[in-house]
Amino acid sequence: MRKFGDVWKGELRTKQGAASVALRQVTGTTVHEFVSGGTLLTFLQFDNQSSKSPYGNIKPAKPRLDESQLLKFAWQVAKGMEFLASNKIIHGNLCAHNIMMTEDRICKISDYGMTSFMPLSGSKPTRWMSPEGMQDRKWSIEGDVWSYGILLWEIVTLGARPYPKMTMDMVKQQVTQGYKMPRPSHCGQEL
C-alpha cells in the first residue's frame, strides 16, 4: 500500500536478542512487529480457494477453515478492539485487509489510530464506514462497532466484498438511509 509509505522486513537487535520487524517509512522511520501471514482478507480468500477441489465431482474431505476457526478470528479482533476502545483509541478503518495474520493464525489489528491523520472532509467513504462516518465524517468507537459488523460479514463470507453488486455511491445512499446487509444464508442467527 503505497499511500502509507514503503514497508521493509528488517531485524531489530537488542541485548535480549534479535526479532524480525516491519519497517515503515511515512514521515520518519517506524518499527512494527513483523507479521508474516499476510492480511486476514487474503488469508480468507486464499483459504476459500484452496479448500475447493479442482474436480467438480469431488468434494474436499474437510474445509481448511471451519466455523470455530472463523469465530476465533472474530473473537480475537473483538478483544483487540476492546483494548483499543478501553484506551480511547478510535481505529477508523477496521476491515479484513487491516488485520494481519501470524503463522499461528493469530489476528493482529493494524493501521489503528489513523483517524488522527484523516481529514474530516474530503476523504472517500469506504464500505466499512458507519452511517455517521459516511454522512458527517464523524469517527467514533460506535463507528468502529459498525465496521466490526461489516468485518464479521467478511469473515463469514470468506473475504467477499461488502455490499456486493452495489457501487460506492449506492452504498453511501443506502447506508445513510438505514440499510444493513442481510445475514448470509449459511450464517447462524446467533452470530
C-alpha atoms as a PDB file:
ATOM      1  CA  MET A   1       0.000   0.000   0.000  1.00  0.00           C
ATOM      2  CA  ARG A   2       1.979   2.908  -1.297  1.00  0.00           C
ATOM      3  CA  LYS A   3      -0.259   5.570   0.244  1.00  0.00           C
ATOM      4  CA  PHE A   4       1.055   4.619   3.682  1.00  0.00           C
ATOM      5  CA  GLY A   5       4.708   4.584   2.643  1.00  0.00           C
ATOM      6  CA  ASP A   6       7.177   1.840   1.853  1.00  0.00           C
ATOM      7  CA  VAL A   7       7.456  -1.206   4.114  1.00  0.00           C
ATOM      8  CA  TRP A   8      10.523  -3.426   4.524  1.00  0.00           C
ATOM      9  CA  LYS A   9      11.269  -6.514   6.576  1.00  0.00           C
ATOM     10  CA  GLY A  10      14.123  -5.909   8.968  1.00  0.00           C
ATOM     11  CA  GLU A  11      15.736  -7.150  12.135  1.00  0.00           C
ATOM     12  CA  LEU A  12      15.828  -5.376  15.492  1.00  0.00           C
ATOM     13  CA  ARG A  13      18.843  -6.325  17.574  1.00  0.00           C
ATOM     14  CA  THR A  14      18.899  -5.684  21.312  1.00  0.00           C
ATOM     15  CA  LYS A  15      20.786  -7.116  24.276  1.00  0.00           C
ATOM     16  CA  GLN A  16      17.913  -9.572  24.706  1.00  0.00           C
ATOM     17  CA  GLY A  17      18.301 -10.896  21.148  1.00  0.00           C
ATOM     18  CA  ALA A  18      17.029 -10.228  17.654  1.00  0.00           C
ATOM     19  CA  ALA A  19      13.478 -10.040  16.340  1.00  0.00           C
ATOM     20  CA  SER A  20      12.013  -9.684  12.874  1.00  0.00           C
ATOM     21  CA  VAL A  21      10.252  -6.348  12.437  1.00  0.00           C
ATOM     22  CA  ALA A  22       8.445  -4.405   9.737  1.00  0.00           C
ATOM     23  CA  LEU A  23       9.928  -1.022   8.957  1.00  0.00           C
ATOM     24  CA  ARG A  24       7.518   1.546   7.606  1.00  0.00           C
ATOM     25  CA  GLN A  25       8.546   4.961   6.417  1.00  0.00           C
ATOM     26  CA  VAL A  26       5.875   7.637   6.497  1.00  0.00           C
ATOM     27  CA  THR A  27       7.363  10.898   7.724  1.00  0.00           C
ATOM     28  CA  GLY A  28      10.117   9.162   9.613  1.00  0.00           C
ATOM     29  CA  THR A  29      11.027   5.559  10.235  1.00  0.00           C
ATOM     30  CA  THR A  30       8.754   3.487  12.492  1.00  0.00           C
ATOM     31  CA  VAL A  31       9.293  -0.071  13.658  1.00  0.00           C
ATOM     32  CA  HIS A  32       6.411  -2.567  13.917  1.00  0.00           C
ATOM     33  CA  GLU A  33       6.135  -6.236  14.783  1.00  0.00           C
ATOM     34  CA  PHE A  34       6.810  -8.425  11.752  1.00  0.00           C
ATOM     35  CA  VAL A  35       3.708 -10.473  10.942  1.00  0.00           C
ATOM     36  CA  SER A  36       4.385 -12.960   8.176  1.00  0.00           C
ATOM     37  CA  GLY A  37       0.920 -14.374   7.478  1.00  0.00           C
ATOM     38  CA  GLY A  38      -0.443 -11.550   5.320  1.00  0.00           C
ATOM     39  CA  THR A  39      -3.817  -9.954   5.856  1.00  0.00           C
ATOM     40  CA  LEU A  40      -6.951 -11.639   7.147  1.00  0.00           C
ATOM     41  CA  LEU A  41      -8.615 -10.783   3.835  1.00  0.00           C
ATOM     42  CA  THR A  42      -6.044 -12.589   1.703  1.00  0.00           C
ATOM     43  CA  PHE A  43      -5.942 -15.449   4.214  1.00  0.00           C
ATOM     44  CA  LEU A  44      -9.728 -15.918   3.987  1.00  0.00           C
ATOM     45  CA  GLN A  45      -9.776 -15.631   0.220  1.00  0.00           C
ATOM     46  CA  PHE A  46      -6.801 -17.961  -0.291  1.00  0.00           C
ATOM     47  CA  ASP A  47      -8.166 -20.492   2.140  1.00  0.00           C
ATOM     48  CA  ASN A  48     -11.514 -20.328   0.369  1.00  0.00           C
ATOM     49  CA  GLN A  49      -9.861 -21.120  -2.968  1.00  0.00           C
ATOM     50  CA  SER A  50      -7.540 -23.791  -1.607  1.00  0.00           C
ATOM     51  CA  SER A  51     -10.452 -25.598   0.069  1.00  0.00           C
ATOM     52  CA  LYS A  52     -12.021 -26.309  -3.306  1.00  0.00           C
ATOM     53  CA  SER A  53     -11.241 -29.453  -5.233  1.00  0.00           C
ATOM     54  CA  PRO A  54     -10.023 -28.914  -8.800  1.00  0.00           C
ATOM     55  CA  TYR A  55     -12.566 -31.559  -9.844  1.00  0.00           C
ATOM     56  CA  GLY A  56     -16.262 -30.662  -9.940  1.00  0.00           C
ATOM     57  CA  ASN A  57     -17.444 -34.096  -8.805  1.00  0.00           C
ATOM     58  CA  ILE A  58     -15.127 -34.422  -5.773  1.00  0.00           C
ATOM     59  CA  LYS A  59     -15.705 -32.536  -2.562  1.00  0.00           C
ATOM     60  CA  PRO A  60     -12.769 -31.796  -0.238  1.00  0.00           C
ATOM     61  CA  ALA A  61     -12.558 -34.128   2.752  1.00  0.00           C
ATOM     62  CA  LYS A  62     -12.586 -31.224   5.196  1.00  0.00           C
ATOM     63  CA  PRO A  63     -12.521 -27.462   4.706  1.00  0.00           C
ATOM     64  CA  ARG A  64      -9.294 -25.879   5.905  1.00  0.00           C
ATOM     65  CA  LEU A  65     -11.275 -23.241   7.805  1.00  0.00           C
ATOM     66  CA  ASP A  66     -14.205 -24.369   9.893  1.00  0.00           C
ATOM     67  CA  GLU A  67     -16.782 -22.311  11.769  1.00  0.00           C
ATOM     68  CA  SER A  68     -14.896 -22.493  15.064  1.00  0.00           C
ATOM     69  CA  GLN A  69     -11.742 -21.053  13.438  1.00  0.00           C
ATOM     70  CA  LEU A  70     -13.733 -18.213  11.888  1.00  0.00           C
ATOM     71  CA  LEU A  71     -15.283 -17.470  15.286  1.00  0.00           C
ATOM     72  CA  LYS A  72     -11.788 -17.407  16.814  1.00  0.00           C
ATOM     73  CA  PHE A  73     -10.761 -14.754  14.289  1.00  0.00           C
ATOM     74  CA  ALA A  74     -13.862 -12.710  15.157  1.00  0.00           C
ATOM     75  CA  TRP A  75     -13.179 -13.090  18.888  1.00  0.00           C
ATOM     76  CA  GLN A  76      -9.503 -12.106  18.531  1.00  0.00           C
ATOM     77  CA  VAL A  77     -10.407  -8.941  16.631  1.00  0.00           C
ATOM     78  CA  ALA A  78     -13.142  -8.131  19.169  1.00  0.00           C
ATOM     79  CA  LYS A  79     -10.636  -8.453  22.035  1.00  0.00           C
ATOM     80  CA  GLY A  80      -8.154  -6.231  20.204  1.00  0.00           C
ATOM     81  CA  MET A  81     -10.804  -3.617  19.503  1.00  0.00           C
ATOM     82  CA  GLU A  82     -11.945  -3.773  23.128  1.00  0.00           C
ATOM     83  CA  PHE A  83      -8.373  -2.978  24.153  1.00  0.00           C
ATOM     84  CA  LEU A  84      -8.182  -0.025  21.745  1.00  0.00           C
ATOM     85  CA  ALA A  85     -11.561   1.316  22.918  1.00  0.00           C
ATOM     86  CA  SER A  86     -10.548   0.982  26.581  1.00  0.00           C
ATOM     87  CA  ASN A  87      -7.568   3.205  25.766  1.00  0.00           C
ATOM     88  CA  LYS A  88      -9.838   5.660  23.918  1.00  0.00           C
ATOM     89  CA  ILE A  89      -8.269   4.839  20.544  1.00  0.00           C
ATOM     90  CA  ILE A  90     -10.573   5.022  17.541  1.00  0.00           C
ATOM     91  CA  HIS A  91      -9.475   2.763  14.716  1.00  0.00           C
ATOM     92  CA  GLY A  92     -11.440   4.479  11.980  1.00  0.00           C
ATOM     93  CA  ASN A  93     -10.653   1.927   9.266  1.00  0.00           C
ATOM     94  CA  LEU A  94     -11.395  -1.556  10.622  1.00  0.00           C
ATOM     95  CA  CYS A  95     -11.681  -4.133   7.832  1.00  0.00           C
ATOM     96  CA  ALA A  96     -10.217  -7.521   6.933  1.00  0.00           C
ATOM     97  CA  HIS A  97      -7.366  -6.015   4.917  1.00  0.00           C
ATOM     98  CA  ASN A  98      -6.230  -4.118   8.040  1.00  0.00           C
ATOM     99  CA  ILE A  99      -5.975  -7.278  10.151  1.00  0.00           C
ATOM    100  CA  MET A 100      -2.636  -9.071   9.931  1.00  0.00           C
ATOM    101  CA  MET A 101      -2.308 -12.822  10.458  1.00  0.00           C
ATOM    102  CA  THR A 102       0.555 -14.610  12.167  1.00  0.00           C
ATOM    103  CA  GLU A 103       1.696 -18.050  11.066  1.00  0.00           C
ATOM    104  CA  ASP A 104      -0.162 -19.399  14.118  1.00  0.00           C
ATOM    105  CA  ARG A 105      -3.456 -17.865  12.896  1.00  0.00           C
ATOM    106  CA  ILE A 106      -3.484 -15.049  15.416  1.00  0.00           C
ATOM    107  CA  CYS A 107      -5.161 -11.827  14.284  1.00  0.00           C
ATOM    108  CA  LYS A 108      -3.280  -8.566  14.852  1.00  0.00           C
ATOM    109  CA  ILE A 109      -5.061  -5.255  14.272  1.00  0.00           C
ATOM    110  CA  SER A 110      -3.065  -2.856  12.132  1.00  0.00           C
ATOM    111  CA  ASP A 111      -3.432   0.753  10.983  1.00  0.00           C
ATOM    112  CA  TYR A 112      -5.323   1.740  14.121  1.00  0.00           C
ATOM    113  CA  GLY A 113      -5.460   5.339  15.172  1.00  0.00           C
ATOM    114  CA  MET A 114      -5.393   6.533  11.576  1.00  0.00           C
ATOM    115  CA  THR A 115      -8.312   8.843  12.359  1.00  0.00           C
ATOM    116  CA  SER A 116      -5.901  11.364  13.812  1.00  0.00           C
ATOM    117  CA  PHE A 117      -4.400  11.625  10.322  1.00  0.00           C
ATOM    118  CA  MET A 118      -7.706  11.539   8.422  1.00  0.00           C
ATOM    119  CA  PRO A 119      -9.094  14.823   7.219  1.00  0.00           C
ATOM    120  CA  LEU A 120     -12.643  15.375   8.432  1.00  0.00           C
ATOM    121  CA  SER A 121     -13.722  16.316   4.946  1.00  0.00           C
ATOM    122  CA  GLY A 122     -12.640  15.190   1.534  1.00  0.00           C
ATOM    123  CA  SER A 123     -11.765  11.605   2.462  1.00  0.00           C
ATOM    124  CA  LYS A 124     -13.516   8.941   0.437  1.00  0.00           C
ATOM    125  CA  PRO A 125     -16.226   6.882   2.112  1.00  0.00           C
ATOM    126  CA  THR A 126     -15.491   3.179   2.382  1.00  0.00           C
ATOM    127  CA  ARG A 127     -17.766   0.152   2.566  1.00  0.00           C
ATOM    128  CA  TRP A 128     -16.832  -0.280   6.243  1.00  0.00           C
ATOM    129  CA  MET A 129     -17.808   3.231   7.398  1.00  0.00           C
ATOM    130  CA  SER A 130     -20.705   3.805   9.723  1.00  0.00           C
ATOM    131  CA  PRO A 131     -23.641   5.925   8.540  1.00  0.00           C
ATOM    132  CA  GLU A 132     -22.378   8.944  10.512  1.00  0.00           C
ATOM    133  CA  GLY A 133     -18.883   8.443   9.114  1.00  0.00           C
ATOM    134  CA  MET A 134     -20.254   8.454   5.571  1.00  0.00           C
ATOM    135  CA  GLN A 135     -22.561  11.375   6.145  1.00  0.00           C
ATOM    136  CA  ASP A 136     -20.773  13.662   8.604  1.00  0.00           C
ATOM    137  CA  ARG A 137     -17.179  12.346   8.598  1.00  0.00           C
ATOM    138  CA  LYS A 138     -17.501  11.598  12.326  1.00  0.00           C
ATOM    139  CA  TRP A 139     -15.307   8.802  13.642  1.00  0.00           C
ATOM    140  CA  SER A 140     -16.137   7.183  16.957  1.00  0.00           C
ATOM    141  CA  ILE A 141     -15.883   3.965  18.893  1.00  0.00           C
ATOM    142  CA  GLU A 142     -19.513   3.346  17.898  1.00  0.00           C
ATOM    143  CA  GLY A 143     -18.429   3.701  14.266  1.00  0.00           C
ATOM    144  CA  ASP A 144     -15.754   1.087  14.928  1.00  0.00           C
ATOM    145  CA  VAL A 145     -18.511  -1.220  16.214  1.00  0.00           C
ATOM    146  CA  TRP A 146     -20.352  -0.741  12.897  1.00  0.00           C
ATOM    147  CA  SER A 147     -17.141  -1.536  10.996  1.00  0.00           C
ATOM    148  CA  TYR A 148     -16.696  -4.652  13.145  1.00  0.00           C
ATOM    149  CA  GLY A 149     -20.127  -5.831  11.965  1.00  0.00           C
ATOM    150  CA  ILE A 150     -19.002  -5.436   8.353  1.00  0.00           C
ATOM    151  CA  LEU A 151     -15.771  -7.294   9.236  1.00  0.00           C
ATOM    152  CA  LEU A 152     -17.858 -10.170  10.661  1.00  0.00           C
ATOM    153  CA  TRP A 153     -19.689 -10.314   7.327  1.00  0.00           C
ATOM    154  CA  GLU A 154     -16.306 -10.506   5.567  1.00  0.00           C
ATOM    155  CA  ILE A 155     -15.240 -13.355   7.859  1.00  0.00           C
ATOM    156  CA  VAL A 156     -18.359 -15.487   7.375  1.00  0.00           C
ATOM    157  CA  THR A 157     -18.280 -14.961   3.593  1.00  0.00           C
ATOM    158  CA  LEU A 158     -14.557 -15.859   3.431  1.00  0.00           C
ATOM    159  CA  GLY A 159     -13.471 -12.449   2.242  1.00  0.00           C
ATOM    160  CA  ALA A 160     -16.322 -11.423  -0.045  1.00  0.00           C
ATOM    161  CA  ARG A 161     -16.667  -7.730  -0.858  1.00  0.00           C
ATOM    162  CA  PRO A 162     -19.200  -5.999   1.419  1.00  0.00           C
ATOM    163  CA  TYR A 163     -22.375  -4.722  -0.259  1.00  0.00           C
ATOM    164  CA  PRO A 164     -21.884  -6.905  -3.332  1.00  0.00           C
ATOM    165  CA  LYS A 165     -23.275  -5.561  -6.607  1.00  0.00           C
ATOM    166  CA  MET A 166     -23.516  -2.026  -5.190  1.00  0.00           C
ATOM    167  CA  THR A 167     -21.426   0.940  -6.292  1.00  0.00           C
ATOM    168  CA  MET A 168     -19.883   3.106  -3.579  1.00  0.00           C
ATOM    169  CA  ASP A 169     -22.473   5.817  -4.296  1.00  0.00           C
ATOM    170  CA  MET A 170     -25.240   3.260  -3.816  1.00  0.00           C
ATOM    171  CA  VAL A 171     -23.649   2.025  -0.578  1.00  0.00           C
ATOM    172  CA  LYS A 172     -23.419   5.557   0.816  1.00  0.00           C
ATOM    173  CA  GLN A 173     -27.006   6.376  -0.142  1.00  0.00           C
ATOM    174  CA  GLN A 174     -28.422   3.124   1.230  1.00  0.00           C
ATOM    175  CA  VAL A 175     -26.381   3.003   4.466  1.00  0.00           C
ATOM    176  CA  THR A 176     -27.173   6.615   5.393  1.00  0.00           C
ATOM    177  CA  GLN A 177     -30.858   5.732   4.918  1.00  0.00           C
ATOM    178  CA  GLY A 178     -30.633   2.786   7.339  1.00  0.00           C
ATOM    179  CA  TYR A 179     -29.806  -0.145   5.049  1.00  0.00           C
ATOM    180  CA  LYS A 180     -27.973  -3.108   6.575  1.00  0.00           C
ATOM    181  CA  MET A 181     -26.634  -6.080   4.642  1.00  0.00           C
ATOM    182  CA  PRO A 182     -28.702  -9.225   5.138  1.00  0.00           C
ATOM    183  CA  ARG A 183     -27.250 -12.115   7.102  1.00  0.00           C
ATOM    184  CA  PRO A 184     -25.642 -14.624   4.723  1.00  0.00           C
ATOM    185  CA  SER A 185     -27.922 -17.666   4.481  1.00  0.00           C
ATOM    186  CA  HIS A 186     -25.226 -20.064   5.747  1.00  0.00           C
ATOM    187  CA  CYS A 187     -24.504 -17.882   8.809  1.00  0.00           C
ATOM    188  CA  GLY A 188     -26.185 -18.855  12.064  1.00  0.00           C
ATOM    189  CA  GLN A 189     -28.773 -16.487  13.530  1.00  0.00           C
ATOM    190  CA  GLU A 190     -26.765 -16.248  16.799  1.00  0.00           C
ATOM    191  CA  LEU A 191     -23.818 -14.592  15.059  1.00  0.00           C
END
